[in-house]
Amino acid sequence: ADHIRWAQIYVLMAVAMGTMGFVAAVPHAFIASALLGFMLVWGVLGWSLPPAQASRLIKLAPEAAPRWRARKAAAIYLGVALASVVGGEVLTYAAPIDLGWIAALFPAAAFAVVALTGWPAKQYQPRLG
């Protein structure tokens, strides 16, 4: 996943999450297959990124790797917790079918940040401290 452009990953994640809500419109006989297909795409995208990110962090600053990995793990846990809060609020005020497109807003926002700042293209020099 490290050689794939970050923008492409964000777009794929947004598309996968945004279209997952349409599984309810699939004929009942095919719903399990459709859901499995969406979950497969989401799983591959979600679980292929952490090893590549960890490898990149270690290459950027090998002597600071334990701190970077700890911060990265904390950020993942924070993201999971925030997603639970947002998902709970969506279910309070909207229908379960709305979870997909609302979840798609987050990778879409990440894509917008990457596209507007040009962050991956810039040469990044980490602070060691």
N, C-alpha and C. Protein backbone atom coordinates (compact mmCIF):
# COMPACT_ATOMS: atom_id res chain seq x y z
N ALA A 1 0.82 -1.20 0.00
CA ALA A 1 0.00 0.00 0.00
C ALA A 1 0.87 1.26 0.00
N ASP A 2 2.14 1.13 0.33
CA ASP A 2 3.00 2.31 0.39
C ASP A 2 3.25 2.91 -0.99
N HIS A 3 3.20 2.10 -2.03
CA HIS A 3 3.48 2.61 -3.37
C HIS A 3 2.23 3.18 -4.05
N ILE A 4 1.05 2.97 -3.47
CA ILE A 4 -0.18 3.52 -4.03
C ILE A 4 -0.31 4.96 -3.57
N ARG A 5 -0.77 5.80 -4.45
CA ARG A 5 -0.94 7.21 -4.10
C ARG A 5 -2.00 7.35 -3.01
N TRP A 6 -1.73 8.19 -2.02
CA TRP A 6 -2.65 8.39 -0.90
C TRP A 6 -4.01 8.87 -1.36
N ALA A 7 -4.05 9.75 -2.33
CA ALA A 7 -5.32 10.28 -2.82
C ALA A 7 -6.20 9.16 -3.37
N GLN A 8 -5.61 8.21 -4.07
CA GLN A 8 -6.39 7.10 -4.61
C GLN A 8 -7.00 6.26 -3.49
N ILE A 9 -6.27 6.07 -2.42
CA ILE A 9 -6.79 5.28 -1.30
C ILE A 9 -7.95 6.00 -0.64
N TYR A 10 -7.83 7.32 -0.43
CA TYR A 10 -8.93 8.07 0.17
C TYR A 10 -10.17 8.03 -0.70
N VAL A 11 -10.00 8.15 -2.00
CA VAL A 11 -11.15 8.11 -2.91
C VAL A 11 -11.80 6.73 -2.87
N LEU A 12 -11.00 5.67 -2.92
CA LEU A 12 -11.57 4.32 -2.85
C LEU A 12 -12.32 4.08 -1.55
N MET A 13 -11.77 4.56 -0.44
CA MET A 13 -12.45 4.40 0.84
C MET A 13 -13.77 5.16 0.86
N ALA A 14 -13.78 6.37 0.33
CA ALA A 14 -15.01 7.17 0.30
C ALA A 14 -16.06 6.49 -0.58
N VAL A 15 -15.65 5.97 -1.72
CA VAL A 15 -16.59 5.29 -2.61
C VAL A 15 -17.14 4.04 -1.95
N ALA A 16 -16.27 3.25 -1.33
CA ALA A 16 -16.72 2.01 -0.68
C ALA A 16 -17.70 2.31 0.45
N MET A 17 -17.39 3.29 1.28
CA MET A 17 -18.28 3.63 2.38
C MET A 17 -19.57 4.27 1.89
N GLY A 18 -19.45 5.13 0.90
CA GLY A 18 -20.62 5.84 0.40
C GLY A 18 -21.62 4.93 -0.30
N THR A 19 -21.13 3.89 -0.93
CA THR A 19 -22.05 2.98 -1.64
C THR A 19 -22.52 1.82 -0.77
N MET A 20 -21.94 1.64 0.40
CA MET A 20 -22.33 0.53 1.25
C MET A 20 -23.80 0.63 1.67
N GLY A 21 -24.31 1.85 1.81
CA GLY A 21 -25.72 2.02 2.18
C GLY A 21 -26.68 1.50 1.14
N PHE A 22 -26.23 1.38 -0.10
CA PHE A 22 -27.10 0.90 -1.16
C PHE A 22 -27.28 -0.61 -1.14
N VAL A 23 -26.62 -1.29 -0.24
CA VAL A 23 -26.78 -2.74 -0.12
C VAL A 23 -28.23 -3.07 0.19
N ALA A 24 -28.92 -2.17 0.89
CA ALA A 24 -30.33 -2.40 1.23
C ALA A 24 -31.20 -2.45 -0.02
N ALA A 25 -30.78 -1.83 -1.12
CA ALA A 25 -31.57 -1.82 -2.35
C ALA A 25 -31.32 -3.07 -3.21
N VAL A 26 -30.33 -3.87 -2.84
CA VAL A 26 -30.01 -5.08 -3.60
C VAL A 26 -31.10 -6.12 -3.34
N PRO A 27 -31.50 -6.88 -4.37
CA PRO A 27 -32.49 -7.94 -4.14
C PRO A 27 -32.06 -8.86 -3.00
N HIS A 28 -33.03 -9.30 -2.24
CA HIS A 28 -32.77 -10.06 -1.02
C HIS A 28 -31.88 -11.29 -1.25
N ALA A 29 -31.99 -11.92 -2.40
CA ALA A 29 -31.20 -13.13 -2.67
C ALA A 29 -29.72 -12.82 -2.81
N PHE A 30 -29.36 -11.57 -3.16
CA PHE A 30 -27.96 -11.22 -3.39
C PHE A 30 -27.37 -10.32 -2.31
N ILE A 31 -28.14 -10.03 -1.28
CA ILE A 31 -27.68 -9.05 -0.29
C ILE A 31 -26.43 -9.52 0.45
N ALA A 32 -26.35 -10.80 0.76
CA ALA A 32 -25.17 -11.31 1.48
C ALA A 32 -23.92 -11.17 0.62
N SER A 33 -24.03 -11.48 -0.67
CA SER A 33 -22.88 -11.36 -1.57
C SER A 33 -22.46 -9.91 -1.73
N ALA A 34 -23.44 -9.01 -1.87
CA ALA A 34 -23.12 -7.59 -2.03
C ALA A 34 -22.45 -7.05 -0.77
N LEU A 35 -22.97 -7.39 0.39
CA LEU A 35 -22.38 -6.92 1.64
C LEU A 35 -20.98 -7.49 1.82
N LEU A 36 -20.79 -8.74 1.49
CA LEU A 36 -19.47 -9.35 1.58
C LEU A 36 -18.48 -8.65 0.65
N GLY A 37 -18.92 -8.29 -0.55
CA GLY A 37 -18.05 -7.58 -1.49
C GLY A 37 -17.63 -6.22 -0.95
N PHE A 38 -18.58 -5.47 -0.40
CA PHE A 38 -18.25 -4.17 0.16
C PHE A 38 -17.33 -4.30 1.37
N MET A 39 -17.60 -5.26 2.22
CA MET A 39 -16.77 -5.46 3.40
C MET A 39 -15.36 -5.91 3.02
N LEU A 40 -15.25 -6.67 1.94
CA LEU A 40 -13.94 -7.10 1.46
C LEU A 40 -13.11 -5.89 1.02
N VAL A 41 -13.73 -5.01 0.23
CA VAL A 41 -13.02 -3.80 -0.22
C VAL A 41 -12.62 -2.96 0.98
N TRP A 42 -13.54 -2.73 1.90
CA TRP A 42 -13.27 -1.93 3.08
C TRP A 42 -12.16 -2.57 3.92
N GLY A 43 -12.21 -3.88 4.11
CA GLY A 43 -11.20 -4.57 4.90
C GLY A 43 -9.82 -4.50 4.29
N VAL A 44 -9.74 -4.71 2.97
CA VAL A 44 -8.44 -4.64 2.30
C VAL A 44 -7.86 -3.24 2.42
N LEU A 45 -8.69 -2.23 2.18
CA LEU A 45 -8.20 -0.85 2.28
C LEU A 45 -7.81 -0.50 3.71
N GLY A 46 -8.65 -0.87 4.65
CA GLY A 46 -8.41 -0.51 6.05
C GLY A 46 -7.21 -1.21 6.67
N TRP A 47 -7.02 -2.49 6.34
CA TRP A 47 -5.95 -3.25 6.97
C TRP A 47 -4.65 -3.25 6.18
N SER A 48 -4.65 -2.72 4.97
CA SER A 48 -3.40 -2.67 4.21
C SER A 48 -2.60 -1.41 4.52
N LEU A 49 -3.23 -0.41 5.07
CA LEU A 49 -2.53 0.85 5.33
C LEU A 49 -1.61 0.83 6.55
N PRO A 50 -2.00 0.29 7.70
CA PRO A 50 -1.13 0.40 8.88
C PRO A 50 0.30 -0.12 8.71
N PRO A 51 0.54 -1.28 8.09
CA PRO A 51 1.93 -1.71 7.93
C PRO A 51 2.75 -0.75 7.06
N ALA A 52 2.14 -0.25 5.99
CA ALA A 52 2.85 0.68 5.12
C ALA A 52 3.13 1.99 5.84
N GLN A 53 2.17 2.46 6.62
CA GLN A 53 2.38 3.69 7.38
C GLN A 53 3.48 3.51 8.41
N ALA A 54 3.48 2.38 9.11
CA ALA A 54 4.52 2.12 10.11
C ALA A 54 5.89 2.06 9.46
N SER A 55 5.97 1.41 8.31
CA SER A 55 7.24 1.32 7.59
C SER A 55 7.74 2.70 7.19
N ARG A 56 6.83 3.53 6.72
CA ARG A 56 7.22 4.89 6.31
C ARG A 56 7.70 5.71 7.51
N LEU A 57 7.01 5.58 8.64
CA LEU A 57 7.43 6.32 9.84
C LEU A 57 8.81 5.88 10.31
N ILE A 58 9.06 4.59 10.25
CA ILE A 58 10.36 4.07 10.68
C ILE A 58 11.47 4.56 9.75
N LYS A 59 11.18 4.64 8.44
CA LYS A 59 12.17 5.15 7.49
C LYS A 59 12.45 6.63 7.70
N LEU A 60 11.42 7.40 8.05
CA LEU A 60 11.59 8.84 8.25
C LEU A 60 12.47 9.16 9.45
N ALA A 61 12.27 8.43 10.53
CA ALA A 61 13.03 8.72 11.75
C ALA A 61 13.20 7.44 12.55
N PRO A 62 14.20 6.61 12.20
CA PRO A 62 14.37 5.33 12.89
C PRO A 62 14.56 5.47 14.40
N GLU A 63 15.28 6.52 14.83
CA GLU A 63 15.54 6.67 16.26
C GLU A 63 14.29 7.08 17.04
N ALA A 64 13.29 7.63 16.35
CA ALA A 64 12.06 8.06 17.02
C ALA A 64 10.91 7.10 16.74
N ALA A 65 11.20 5.93 16.17
CA ALA A 65 10.15 4.99 15.77
C ALA A 65 9.20 4.60 16.90
N PRO A 66 9.68 4.31 18.11
CA PRO A 66 8.73 3.93 19.17
C PRO A 66 7.72 5.04 19.47
N ARG A 67 8.18 6.28 19.50
CA ARG A 67 7.25 7.39 19.77
C ARG A 67 6.27 7.58 18.63
N TRP A 68 6.74 7.50 17.39
CA TRP A 68 5.86 7.67 16.24
C TRP A 68 4.81 6.56 16.20
N ARG A 69 5.25 5.34 16.46
CA ARG A 69 4.29 4.22 16.43
C ARG A 69 3.27 4.34 17.54
N ALA A 70 3.69 4.81 18.71
CA ALA A 70 2.74 5.01 19.81
C ALA A 70 1.72 6.10 19.47
N ARG A 71 2.20 7.18 18.87
CA ARG A 71 1.28 8.27 18.48
C ARG A 71 0.33 7.80 17.39
N LYS A 72 0.83 7.01 16.47
CA LYS A 72 -0.01 6.49 15.39
C LYS A 72 -1.09 5.57 15.96
N ALA A 73 -0.72 4.70 16.89
CA ALA A 73 -1.71 3.81 17.51
C ALA A 73 -2.75 4.62 18.28
N ALA A 74 -2.31 5.65 19.00
CA ALA A 74 -3.26 6.50 19.73
C ALA A 74 -4.22 7.20 18.77
N ALA A 75 -3.71 7.64 17.63
CA ALA A 75 -4.57 8.30 16.64
C ALA A 75 -5.60 7.32 16.08
N ILE A 76 -5.21 6.07 15.87
CA ILE A 76 -6.15 5.07 15.38
C ILE A 76 -7.25 4.83 16.41
N TYR A 77 -6.87 4.68 17.68
CA TYR A 77 -7.87 4.47 18.72
C TYR A 77 -8.80 5.67 18.85
N LEU A 78 -8.26 6.87 18.73
CA LEU A 78 -9.08 8.08 18.78
C LEU A 78 -10.06 8.09 17.60
N GLY A 79 -9.58 7.72 16.42
CA GLY A 79 -10.46 7.67 15.25
C GLY A 79 -11.58 6.66 15.41
N VAL A 80 -11.28 5.50 15.96
CA VAL A 80 -12.32 4.48 16.18
C VAL A 80 -13.35 5.00 17.19
N ALA A 81 -12.88 5.64 18.25
CA ALA A 81 -13.80 6.17 19.25
C ALA A 81 -14.68 7.27 18.67
N LEU A 82 -14.09 8.18 17.90
CA LEU A 82 -14.88 9.24 17.28
C LEU A 82 -15.87 8.68 16.27
N ALA A 83 -15.48 7.65 15.53
CA ALA A 83 -16.39 7.03 14.58
C ALA A 83 -17.59 6.41 15.30
N SER A 84 -17.35 5.84 16.48
CA SER A 84 -18.45 5.28 17.26
C SER A 84 -19.41 6.36 17.72
N VAL A 85 -18.86 7.48 18.14
CA VAL A 85 -19.70 8.60 18.57
C VAL A 85 -20.52 9.13 17.40
N VAL A 86 -19.87 9.36 16.28
CA VAL A 86 -20.57 9.88 15.10
C VAL A 86 -21.62 8.88 14.63
N GLY A 87 -21.26 7.61 14.56
CA GLY A 87 -22.23 6.58 14.16
C GLY A 87 -23.43 6.52 15.08
N GLY A 88 -23.20 6.64 16.38
CA GLY A 88 -24.31 6.66 17.33
C GLY A 88 -25.22 7.85 17.13
N GLU A 89 -24.63 9.00 16.88
CA GLU A 89 -25.42 10.21 16.63
C GLU A 89 -26.20 10.10 15.32
N VAL A 90 -25.58 9.51 14.30
CA VAL A 90 -26.29 9.32 13.03
C VAL A 90 -27.51 8.43 13.26
N LEU A 91 -27.33 7.35 14.02
CA LEU A 91 -28.45 6.45 14.28
C LEU A 91 -29.53 7.11 15.14
N THR A 92 -29.15 8.10 15.94
CA THR A 92 -30.12 8.81 16.75
C THR A 92 -31.00 9.72 15.89
N TYR A 93 -30.40 10.38 14.90
CA TYR A 93 -31.11 11.39 14.13
C TYR A 93 -31.44 10.99 12.69
N ALA A 94 -30.91 9.88 12.21
CA ALA A 94 -31.12 9.48 10.82
C ALA A 94 -31.34 7.97 10.76
N ALA A 95 -31.52 7.48 9.56
CA ALA A 95 -31.75 6.05 9.35
C ALA A 95 -30.42 5.32 9.20
N PRO A 96 -30.41 4.03 9.51
CA PRO A 96 -29.17 3.26 9.34
C PRO A 96 -28.60 3.30 7.93
N ILE A 97 -29.45 3.47 6.93
CA ILE A 97 -28.96 3.54 5.54
C ILE A 97 -28.09 4.77 5.32
N ASP A 98 -28.22 5.78 6.18
CA ASP A 98 -27.43 7.00 6.05
C ASP A 98 -26.01 6.86 6.59
N LEU A 99 -25.72 5.79 7.31
CA LEU A 99 -24.38 5.61 7.86
C LEU A 99 -23.30 5.61 6.79
N GLY A 100 -23.55 4.96 5.66
CA GLY A 100 -22.54 4.85 4.61
C GLY A 100 -22.11 6.18 4.04
N TRP A 101 -23.09 6.99 3.61
CA TRP A 101 -22.70 8.25 2.98
C TRP A 101 -22.14 9.24 3.99
N ILE A 102 -22.59 9.17 5.24
CA ILE A 102 -22.01 10.06 6.25
C ILE A 102 -20.58 9.61 6.58
N ALA A 103 -20.35 8.31 6.65
CA ALA A 103 -19.00 7.80 6.88
C ALA A 103 -18.09 8.17 5.72
N ALA A 104 -18.63 8.22 4.51
CA ALA A 104 -17.83 8.58 3.33
C ALA A 104 -17.34 10.02 3.38
N LEU A 105 -17.98 10.86 4.18
CA LEU A 105 -17.54 12.25 4.29
C LEU A 105 -16.13 12.35 4.90
N PHE A 106 -15.77 11.43 5.77
CA PHE A 106 -14.48 11.50 6.46
C PHE A 106 -13.29 11.22 5.53
N PRO A 107 -13.28 10.11 4.76
CA PRO A 107 -12.17 9.97 3.81
C PRO A 107 -12.24 11.02 2.71
N ALA A 108 -13.44 11.50 2.37
CA ALA A 108 -13.54 12.58 1.38
C ALA A 108 -12.89 13.85 1.92
N ALA A 109 -13.08 14.12 3.21
CA ALA A 109 -12.43 15.29 3.82
C ALA A 109 -10.92 15.09 3.86
N ALA A 110 -10.47 13.88 4.16
CA ALA A 110 -9.03 13.60 4.16
C ALA A 110 -8.45 13.79 2.76
N PHE A 111 -9.19 13.34 1.75
CA PHE A 111 -8.75 13.54 0.37
C PHE A 111 -8.65 15.03 0.05
N ALA A 112 -9.64 15.79 0.50
CA ALA A 112 -9.62 17.24 0.23
C ALA A 112 -8.40 17.89 0.87
N VAL A 113 -8.08 17.50 2.11
CA VAL A 113 -6.91 18.06 2.78
C VAL A 113 -5.64 17.72 2.00
N VAL A 114 -5.52 16.46 1.58
CA VAL A 114 -4.34 16.04 0.83
C VAL A 114 -4.27 16.78 -0.50
N ALA A 115 -5.41 16.89 -1.19
CA ALA A 115 -5.42 17.55 -2.49
C ALA A 115 -5.12 19.04 -2.38
N LEU A 116 -5.65 19.69 -1.36
CA LEU A 116 -5.46 21.14 -1.22
C LEU A 116 -4.08 21.52 -0.70
N THR A 117 -3.50 20.68 0.13
CA THR A 117 -2.20 21.02 0.70
C THR A 117 -1.03 20.44 -0.08
N GLY A 118 -1.29 19.42 -0.89
CA GLY A 118 -0.21 18.77 -1.61
C GLY A 118 0.75 18.06 -0.67
N TRP A 119 0.25 17.66 0.51
CA TRP A 119 1.10 17.12 1.57
C TRP A 119 2.00 15.96 1.15
N PRO A 120 1.51 14.91 0.47
CA PRO A 120 2.42 13.80 0.18
C PRO A 120 3.56 14.20 -0.75
N ALA A 121 3.35 15.20 -1.59
CA ALA A 121 4.37 15.60 -2.55
C ALA A 121 5.48 16.41 -1.90
N LYS A 122 5.19 17.04 -0.77
CA LYS A 122 6.19 17.85 -0.10
C LYS A 122 7.22 16.95 0.59
N GLN A 123 8.41 17.40 0.66
CA GLN A 123 9.45 16.66 1.38
C GLN A 123 9.23 16.89 2.86
N TYR A 124 8.95 15.84 3.58
CA TYR A 124 8.61 15.97 5.00
C TYR A 124 9.82 15.66 5.85
N GLN A 125 10.14 16.56 6.75
CA GLN A 125 11.22 16.35 7.71
C GLN A 125 10.62 16.32 9.11
N PRO A 126 10.59 15.14 9.74
CA PRO A 126 9.96 15.04 11.05
C PRO A 126 10.77 15.76 12.14
N ARG A 127 10.03 16.20 13.15
CA ARG A 127 10.68 16.75 14.33
C ARG A 127 11.01 15.59 15.25
N LEU A 128 12.18 15.56 15.76
CA LEU A 128 12.59 14.47 16.65
C LEU A 128 12.46 14.94 18.09
N GLY A 129 11.33 14.81 18.65
CA GLY A 129 11.20 15.26 20.04
C GLY A 129 9.86 15.12 20.58
